[in-house]
Protein backbone atom coordinates (compact mmCIF):
# COMPACT_ATOMS: atom_id res chain seq x y z
CA MET A 1 -141.18 8.10 123.14
CA ILE A 2 -138.20 5.03 123.74
CA SER A 3 -135.84 6.35 126.89
CA LYS A 4 -132.84 5.86 125.59
CA GLU A 5 -132.27 3.17 128.72
CA LYS A 6 -135.14 1.98 126.71
CA LYS A 7 -133.48 1.48 123.49
CA GLN A 8 -130.17 0.01 124.48
CA GLU A 9 -131.79 -2.49 126.63
CA ILE A 10 -133.90 -3.97 123.63
CA ILE A 11 -130.46 -3.09 121.30
CA LYS A 12 -128.93 -5.76 124.27
CA ASP A 13 -131.76 -8.24 123.90
CA LEU A 14 -131.34 -8.18 119.87
CA ALA A 15 -128.22 -9.16 120.13
CA ASP A 16 -128.11 -11.61 122.63
CA LYS A 17 -131.20 -13.48 120.51
CA LEU A 18 -128.70 -12.50 117.32
CA SER A 19 -125.50 -14.61 119.08
CA ARG A 20 -127.87 -17.77 119.72
CA GLN A 21 -129.87 -17.67 116.25
CA LYS A 22 -129.88 -20.59 113.69
CA THR A 23 -132.31 -18.58 111.61
CA VAL A 24 -133.62 -14.82 111.43
CA ILE A 25 -135.98 -13.61 108.74
CA PHE A 26 -136.78 -9.92 108.37
CA SER A 27 -140.52 -9.41 107.64
CA ASP A 28 -142.71 -7.13 106.95
CA HIS A 29 -146.37 -6.81 109.10
CA THR A 30 -147.62 -3.78 107.33
CA GLY A 31 -151.18 -4.00 107.66
CA LEU A 32 -151.67 -7.12 109.56
CA LYS A 33 -154.37 -7.32 112.53
CA VAL A 34 -153.65 -7.27 115.56
CA ASN A 35 -155.38 -10.61 116.01
CA GLN A 36 -153.36 -12.18 113.08
CA VAL A 37 -150.13 -10.71 114.67
CA GLN A 38 -151.50 -12.54 117.73
CA ASN A 39 -151.80 -15.83 115.79
CA LEU A 40 -148.54 -15.94 113.84
CA ARG A 41 -146.70 -14.89 117.82
CA TRP A 42 -148.92 -18.29 119.06
CA GLN A 43 -147.91 -20.83 116.07
CA LEU A 44 -143.99 -19.79 116.66
CA ARG A 45 -144.31 -19.36 120.54
CA GLU A 46 -145.24 -23.59 120.39
CA GLU A 47 -142.04 -23.70 118.54
CA LYS A 48 -140.10 -22.38 120.37
CA ILE A 49 -139.36 -19.43 117.80
CA ASP A 50 -139.14 -15.55 118.75
CA TYR A 51 -140.76 -12.74 117.16
CA GLN A 52 -139.94 -9.49 117.49
CA VAL A 53 -140.55 -6.20 116.37
CA ALA A 54 -138.53 -3.00 116.74
CA LYS A 55 -137.68 0.26 114.72
CA LYS A 56 -134.79 -0.35 111.65
CA THR A 57 -132.42 1.91 113.57
CA LEU A 58 -132.22 -0.94 116.54
CA ILE A 59 -132.37 -3.50 114.84
CA ASP A 60 -129.59 -2.13 112.93
CA LEU A 61 -127.13 -1.09 116.25
CA ALA A 62 -128.04 -4.58 117.78
CA PHE A 63 -126.41 -6.10 114.43
CA LYS A 64 -123.77 -4.26 114.46
CA LYS A 65 -123.38 -5.28 118.59
CA ALA A 66 -123.65 -9.05 117.12
CA GLY A 67 -120.80 -8.79 114.75
CA PHE A 68 -123.34 -8.65 111.98
CA ASP A 69 -121.66 -5.30 110.43
CA LYS A 70 -122.28 -5.68 106.45
CA ILE A 71 -126.74 -6.61 107.17
CA LYS A 72 -128.13 -3.33 106.72
CA ILE A 73 -131.93 -3.49 107.52
CA LYS A 74 -132.92 0.61 106.87
CA GLY A 75 -133.41 -0.22 103.33
CA LEU A 76 -135.90 -3.21 103.79
CA PRO A 77 -139.79 -1.86 103.56
CA GLY A 78 -142.06 -1.57 105.19
CA GLN A 79 -142.59 -2.53 109.75
CA ILE A 80 -139.90 -5.45 110.08
CA ALA A 81 -140.77 -7.70 112.68
CA LEU A 82 -137.61 -10.33 113.35
CA ILE A 83 -138.34 -14.41 113.94
CA PHE A 84 -135.61 -16.17 115.75
CA GLY A 85 -135.03 -19.73 114.86
CA TYR A 86 -132.89 -21.19 118.23
CA GLU A 87 -133.25 -25.38 116.89
CA ASP A 88 -134.47 -25.86 113.66
CA GLU A 89 -132.96 -23.91 110.86
CA ILE A 90 -136.58 -24.48 108.43
CA LEU A 91 -139.04 -24.08 110.31
CA PRO A 92 -139.03 -20.78 110.98
CA ALA A 93 -139.07 -20.23 107.44
CA LYS A 94 -141.85 -23.25 106.65
CA ILE A 95 -144.75 -21.20 109.66
CA LEU A 96 -144.18 -17.59 107.95
CA TYR A 97 -143.82 -19.00 104.36
CA ASN A 98 -147.26 -20.52 105.31
CA PHE A 99 -149.03 -17.51 107.19
CA SER A 100 -148.07 -15.42 104.46
CA ARG A 101 -150.00 -17.71 101.89
CA GLU A 102 -153.10 -17.04 104.28
CA ASN A 103 -152.04 -13.37 104.99
CA GLU A 104 -151.28 -12.02 102.13
CA SER A 105 -150.26 -8.56 104.04
CA LEU A 106 -147.51 -10.41 106.12
CA ARG A 107 -144.09 -9.99 103.32
CA ILE A 108 -141.00 -12.67 104.22
CA LEU A 109 -138.40 -10.56 102.77
CA ALA A 110 -134.58 -11.50 103.72
CA GLY A 111 -132.86 -13.58 106.67
CA LEU A 112 -129.59 -14.96 108.00
CA VAL A 113 -129.55 -18.82 108.44
CA ASN A 114 -126.56 -20.13 109.96
CA GLY A 115 -124.87 -16.27 109.78
CA GLU A 116 -125.71 -16.77 105.65
CA TYR A 117 -126.98 -13.94 104.44
CA LEU A 118 -130.10 -14.84 102.33
CA GLU A 119 -133.11 -13.37 99.94
CA GLU A 120 -136.54 -13.57 99.85
CA LYS A 121 -136.16 -16.55 96.64
CA ALA A 122 -133.97 -18.49 98.73
CA ILE A 123 -136.08 -18.16 102.46
CA ILE A 124 -139.46 -19.56 100.59
CA GLY A 125 -137.08 -22.04 99.19
CA LEU A 126 -136.08 -23.25 101.85
CA ALA A 127 -139.75 -22.94 103.55
CA LYS A 128 -140.63 -25.46 100.45
CA LEU A 129 -138.38 -27.85 101.58
CA PRO A 130 -138.91 -30.89 103.12
CA SER A 131 -138.98 -30.76 107.29
CA ARG A 132 -135.95 -33.00 108.79
CA GLN A 133 -138.51 -35.12 109.75
CA GLU A 134 -139.83 -36.17 106.52
CA LEU A 135 -136.08 -36.35 105.09
CA LEU A 136 -134.83 -38.42 107.93
CA ALA A 137 -137.92 -40.87 107.16
CA ARG A 138 -137.20 -40.90 103.40
CA LEU A 139 -133.63 -41.70 103.67
CA ILE A 140 -134.30 -44.38 106.09
CA GLY A 141 -136.78 -45.62 103.15
CA ASN A 142 -134.59 -45.90 101.05
CA VAL A 143 -131.78 -47.16 102.76
CA SER A 144 -134.03 -50.41 104.25
CA ALA A 145 -135.52 -51.07 101.09
CA PRO A 146 -133.22 -52.87 99.14
CA LEU A 147 -132.99 -55.20 102.85
CA SER A 148 -136.49 -55.60 102.42
CA GLY A 149 -136.40 -56.95 99.68
CA LEU A 150 -133.06 -58.35 100.04
CA ILE A 151 -135.31 -60.48 103.26
CA ASN A 152 -138.49 -61.15 100.72
CA VAL A 153 -135.80 -63.18 98.17
CA LEU A 154 -134.56 -65.58 100.93
CA GLN A 155 -137.79 -65.79 102.74
CA GLY A 156 -138.96 -67.07 99.57
CA ASN A 157 -135.86 -69.36 99.25
CA LEU A 158 -136.65 -70.95 102.64
CA ILE A 159 -140.17 -71.40 102.32
CA LYS A 160 -140.04 -73.01 99.08
CA LEU A 161 -137.48 -75.39 100.81
CA VAL A 162 -139.74 -75.80 103.91
CA ASN A 163 -142.29 -76.56 101.24
CA LEU A 164 -140.08 -79.62 99.67
CA PHE A 165 -139.49 -81.04 103.05
CA LYS A 166 -143.13 -81.04 103.42
CA ASN A 167 -143.90 -82.95 100.24
CA LEU A 168 -140.62 -85.38 100.81
CA LYS A 169 -141.86 -86.26 104.46
CA LEU A 170 -145.69 -86.79 103.31
CA GLU A 171 -144.20 -89.04 100.55
CA THR A 172 -142.24 -91.68 102.90
C-alpha cells in the first residue's frame, strides 16, 4: 500500500506534467510483458516523451488539480498509462500507434491534445498523419515547383538565345 505522502507526491508530479504537456495519451497496458514496456519506454524516452503508470484515482485527482475537472479516467478500462508529449503533439500518438500494431496488448484509449479531449479514433487518426517535417517538406515542394518550372522555361529561352548568337558568329 502506498503512503499518503507518496500519493501526494504522485499527484503533484502528474499535475506538473499535465500543466506542461501538449499531448497526453491514455493507454491500457494490461498484458504487456516487462521487456515490451521497457522497449516502449526506451522509444519514448529517445523523443523526450514521458511514460507514467498510476492508479486511476490518483490520475483523476491530478487532473482535477491541474484544472481538467471534466476528464474522468475511472471509466476507462484496464491499467492506465499516461504518455506525455511536451514538444510535438503528434509524435507520441505515432509512437504508441506503431507500438500497438506490433504489440496487440497495448491499446490506445483516448487523449488530450492542446487541452482538447479526443477519443481513441481521433488519436489514431492523428497518428496516421504525416509528421511535421514531412508536411513542411511537401509544402516547400509545392511552393517551389512553379518557381522551378519558371526557371527552366526562362533558362530554355536563354539557351536558345546563346545558340543563336553562336550560329551568327560562326556564319560571319
